[in-house]
Amino acid sequence: MTDWFARYAQGETPWDRHSSGHALDRAVREWQIQPCRVLDVGCGTGDNAIRLARQGFEVTAFDLVPRAIDLALEKSRSLALDVEFRVADFRRLTPEEPFPFVFDSGLYHCVRRELLRDWLAFLERVTQPESLWLTLTGNANEPRAVDQGPPRVRASELCAELEPLFELIELRETRFEATDDREGWHPLAWSALLRRRAAR
C-alpha cells in the first residue's frame, strides 16, 4: 500500500498537479445534481470540496493525511467558505446519516485491489438507496506505461465490482487535466456516475 503520509511529507503528490474539477462540474451540470449534503472522499488538499461549496453544496470532506487536511483548511478559510474537513480513514468513518451525493477522485482506484470489501462496506454506510456516487478513476485504455500516472481500471472491472451495490448511470472517458506546467500530459480517466440500488 502507498505510504500517503510519506508522500505528503516529501512533497511527492502528483495528484495535486492534475485536476478532476472539469469532470465534476460537467456531471453536476448535465445530470442536474442540485446542492445537497455531499461527502468528498479522500479530498487531498480540498480543491474539489471547495469547488462544491462554491456551488452551494453542504460539504463534508476527509482525508487520511493530516497535512492534506491542514492545507485544505487554509484554502477554505482564506476564501471564507464553510467546509467540514476531517482527518479520517474510510474504513472507520461512520456518518450520523447517509449522504445523497458522494464524490471520489482517485481513492477507489487506489484501494480496490487490496481493500475492495472494506470500500464497498464504506459506501454502503455513507449512502442510501438513490444516493449518487461520482468517481474519477484511472483508465486502463491509457496507452502510456502502467508505471506512469494513476492506477488504472478496466470498464468491465468497474462494473463487476460496483454493480452489486450500485446501478451504473454513465461511464464516460475523460482526462485528469494538468494544472502544473511540469506535467506534459493528461492521464486518461473514467468518469463514472452511479446510483445506489434499493435494498433487496
Protein backbone atom coordinates (compact mmCIF):
# COMPACT_ATOMS: atom_id res chain seq x y z
CA MET A 1 0.00 0.00 0.00
CA THR A 2 1.10 3.56 -0.67
CA ASP A 3 2.55 5.46 2.29
CA TRP A 4 0.42 8.58 1.93
CA PHE A 5 1.99 10.25 4.97
CA ALA A 6 5.48 9.94 3.47
CA ARG A 7 4.31 11.16 0.08
CA TYR A 8 2.94 14.38 1.59
CA ALA A 9 5.97 14.82 3.84
CA GLN A 10 8.26 14.54 0.82
CA GLY A 11 6.08 16.65 -1.45
CA GLU A 12 5.57 13.71 -3.84
CA THR A 13 1.91 14.41 -4.63
CA PRO A 14 1.48 14.23 -8.41
CA TRP A 15 -2.30 14.07 -7.97
CA ASP A 16 -2.14 17.70 -6.88
CA ARG A 17 -0.82 18.55 -10.34
CA HIS A 18 -3.90 17.14 -12.08
CA SER A 19 -7.50 18.28 -11.76
CA SER A 20 -10.76 16.37 -11.98
CA GLY A 21 -12.83 19.52 -11.40
CA HIS A 22 -13.94 19.80 -15.03
CA ALA A 23 -15.46 16.30 -14.88
CA LEU A 24 -17.15 17.10 -11.58
CA ASP A 25 -18.60 20.33 -12.96
CA ARG A 26 -19.85 18.57 -16.09
CA ALA A 27 -21.60 15.79 -14.17
CA VAL A 28 -23.26 18.22 -11.77
CA ARG A 29 -24.44 20.37 -14.67
CA GLU A 30 -25.55 17.66 -17.11
CA TRP A 31 -27.27 15.47 -14.52
CA GLN A 32 -28.72 18.49 -12.73
CA ILE A 33 -27.42 17.45 -9.33
CA GLN A 34 -28.88 20.05 -7.01
CA PRO A 35 -26.97 21.41 -3.99
CA CYS A 36 -27.28 18.97 -1.10
CA ARG A 37 -25.16 17.31 1.55
CA VAL A 38 -22.11 15.82 -0.17
CA LEU A 39 -19.18 13.73 1.01
CA ASP A 40 -15.82 14.30 -0.72
CA VAL A 41 -13.84 11.10 -0.20
CA GLY A 42 -10.05 11.27 0.02
CA CYS A 43 -10.23 15.01 -0.56
CA GLY A 44 -6.49 15.74 -0.51
CA THR A 45 -5.86 19.46 -0.20
CA GLY A 46 -9.52 20.29 -0.76
CA ASP A 47 -9.84 21.74 -4.26
CA ASN A 48 -12.94 19.75 -5.21
CA ALA A 49 -14.57 20.23 -1.80
CA ILE A 50 -14.10 23.97 -2.23
CA ARG A 51 -15.47 23.77 -5.78
CA LEU A 52 -18.62 22.08 -4.48
CA ALA A 53 -19.02 24.54 -1.61
CA ARG A 54 -18.88 27.43 -4.07
CA GLN A 55 -21.79 25.82 -5.91
CA GLY A 56 -23.90 25.75 -2.75
CA PHE A 57 -23.31 22.18 -1.59
CA GLU A 58 -23.03 21.40 2.13
CA VAL A 59 -19.65 19.69 2.06
CA THR A 60 -18.05 17.18 4.39
CA ALA A 61 -14.61 16.11 3.19
CA PHE A 62 -11.98 13.83 4.63
CA ASP A 63 -8.50 12.53 4.02
CA LEU A 64 -6.22 10.14 5.84
CA VAL A 65 -3.29 12.58 5.97
CA PRO A 66 -3.36 15.46 8.50
CA ARG A 67 -1.03 17.56 6.31
CA ALA A 68 -3.53 17.41 3.45
CA ILE A 69 -6.37 18.50 5.72
CA ASP A 70 -4.29 21.35 7.15
CA LEU A 71 -3.72 22.67 3.63
CA ALA A 72 -7.40 22.23 2.76
CA LEU A 73 -8.44 24.19 5.84
CA GLU A 74 -6.06 27.00 4.93
CA LYS A 75 -7.61 27.24 1.47
CA SER A 76 -11.22 27.21 2.65
CA ARG A 77 -10.59 29.76 5.40
CA SER A 78 -8.81 32.12 3.01
CA LEU A 79 -11.95 32.02 0.84
CA ALA A 80 -14.35 32.26 3.81
CA LEU A 81 -16.01 29.00 2.77
CA ASP A 82 -17.64 26.68 5.27
CA VAL A 83 -16.39 23.14 4.57
CA GLU A 84 -16.24 20.44 7.23
CA PHE A 85 -12.78 18.91 6.76
CA ARG A 86 -11.84 15.83 8.79
CA VAL A 87 -8.84 13.56 9.20
CA ALA A 88 -10.28 10.06 8.82
CA ASP A 89 -9.70 6.56 7.47
CA PHE A 90 -12.59 5.46 5.25
CA ARG A 91 -12.58 2.06 6.94
CA ARG A 92 -13.60 3.64 10.24
CA LEU A 93 -15.76 6.53 9.08
CA THR A 94 -19.41 6.19 10.08
CA PRO A 95 -21.53 9.31 9.50
CA GLU A 96 -24.56 10.15 11.58
CA GLU A 97 -26.69 9.94 8.44
CA PRO A 98 -26.03 8.91 4.84
CA PHE A 99 -25.26 11.39 2.07
CA PRO A 100 -27.37 11.92 -1.07
CA PHE A 101 -24.20 12.60 -3.09
CA VAL A 102 -20.66 11.21 -2.74
CA PHE A 103 -17.65 12.30 -4.80
CA ASP A 104 -14.38 10.44 -5.14
CA SER A 105 -11.44 11.43 -7.29
CA GLY A 106 -8.90 8.66 -7.06
CA LEU A 107 -9.46 6.77 -3.82
CA TYR A 108 -11.46 3.89 -5.32
CA HIS A 109 -8.75 3.14 -7.87
CA CYS A 110 -6.10 3.18 -5.12
CA VAL A 111 -7.81 0.79 -2.70
CA ARG A 112 -9.83 -1.56 -4.92
CA ARG A 113 -7.20 -4.28 -5.34
CA GLU A 114 -6.50 -4.81 -1.65
CA LEU A 115 -9.46 -3.29 0.18
CA LEU A 116 -12.47 -3.69 -2.12
CA ARG A 117 -14.62 -5.35 0.55
CA ASP A 118 -13.84 -2.54 3.01
CA TRP A 119 -14.53 0.04 0.30
CA LEU A 120 -17.95 -1.39 -0.54
CA ALA A 121 -18.84 -1.61 3.15
CA PHE A 122 -17.87 2.05 3.50
CA LEU A 123 -20.02 3.06 0.53
CA GLU A 124 -22.93 1.14 1.99
CA ARG A 125 -22.55 3.08 5.28
CA VAL A 126 -22.33 6.55 3.73
CA THR A 127 -25.09 6.19 1.11
CA GLN A 128 -28.72 5.14 0.99
CA PRO A 129 -30.96 3.97 -1.86
CA GLU A 130 -31.00 6.61 -4.63
CA SER A 131 -27.77 8.26 -3.41
CA LEU A 132 -25.45 9.25 -6.26
CA TRP A 133 -21.73 8.49 -6.34
CA LEU A 134 -19.40 10.11 -8.86
CA THR A 135 -15.96 8.53 -9.12
CA LEU A 136 -12.97 9.54 -11.25
CA THR A 137 -10.52 6.70 -11.84
CA GLY A 138 -7.50 5.91 -13.94
CA ASN A 139 -8.46 4.31 -17.26
CA ALA A 140 -6.88 1.05 -18.47
CA ASN A 141 -7.16 2.33 -22.06
CA GLU A 142 -4.31 4.77 -21.31
CA PRO A 143 -1.53 3.90 -23.79
CA ARG A 144 1.38 5.02 -21.61
CA ALA A 145 3.32 2.55 -19.46
CA VAL A 146 1.43 1.39 -16.37
CA ASP A 147 4.02 2.91 -14.03
CA GLN A 148 3.08 6.37 -15.33
CA GLY A 149 0.02 8.10 -13.94
CA PRO A 150 -2.70 6.88 -11.61
CA PRO A 151 -3.79 3.26 -11.06
CA ARG A 152 -5.95 2.03 -13.90
CA VAL A 153 -9.29 0.26 -14.06
CA ARG A 154 -10.97 -1.56 -16.94
CA ALA A 155 -14.61 -0.71 -17.62
CA SER A 156 -15.54 -4.35 -17.11
CA GLU A 157 -13.79 -4.41 -13.72
CA LEU A 158 -15.53 -1.25 -12.56
CA CYS A 159 -18.94 -2.66 -13.48
CA ALA A 160 -18.28 -6.06 -11.93
CA GLU A 161 -17.01 -4.59 -8.67
CA LEU A 162 -19.64 -1.91 -8.17
CA GLU A 163 -22.84 -3.10 -9.86
CA PRO A 164 -23.93 -5.33 -6.95
CA LEU A 165 -24.45 -2.21 -4.82
CA PHE A 166 -24.84 0.48 -7.46
CA GLU A 167 -26.51 0.97 -10.82
CA LEU A 168 -24.14 2.49 -13.38
CA ILE A 169 -25.81 5.56 -14.88
CA GLU A 170 -22.95 6.86 -17.01
CA LEU A 171 -19.42 5.79 -17.84
CA ARG A 172 -17.51 8.36 -19.87
CA GLU A 173 -13.89 8.68 -20.89
CA THR A 174 -12.25 11.89 -19.78
CA ARG A 175 -8.82 13.01 -18.58
CA PHE A 176 -7.16 14.26 -15.43
CA GLU A 177 -6.22 17.75 -16.61
CA ALA A 178 -2.73 19.04 -15.80
CA THR A 179 -2.67 22.10 -13.57
CA ASP A 180 1.13 22.34 -13.44
CA ASP A 181 3.41 23.27 -16.33
CA ARG A 182 5.71 20.41 -15.35
CA GLU A 183 3.05 17.93 -16.41
CA GLY A 184 3.17 17.41 -20.15
CA TRP A 185 0.24 15.03 -20.39
CA HIS A 186 -3.27 14.44 -19.21
CA PRO A 187 -3.82 10.85 -17.97
CA LEU A 188 -6.85 9.09 -19.39
CA ALA A 189 -9.64 8.61 -16.85
CA TRP A 190 -13.12 7.24 -16.36
CA SER A 191 -15.90 9.44 -15.04
CA ALA A 192 -18.48 7.05 -13.59
CA LEU A 193 -21.79 8.19 -12.14
CA LEU A 194 -23.63 5.52 -10.15
CA ARG A 195 -26.87 5.34 -8.19
CA ARG A 196 -27.30 3.24 -5.05
CA ARG A 197 -29.73 0.41 -5.65
CA ALA A 198 -32.75 -0.14 -3.45
CA ALA A 199 -32.29 -2.68 -0.66
CA ARG A 200 -33.36 -6.16 -1.63
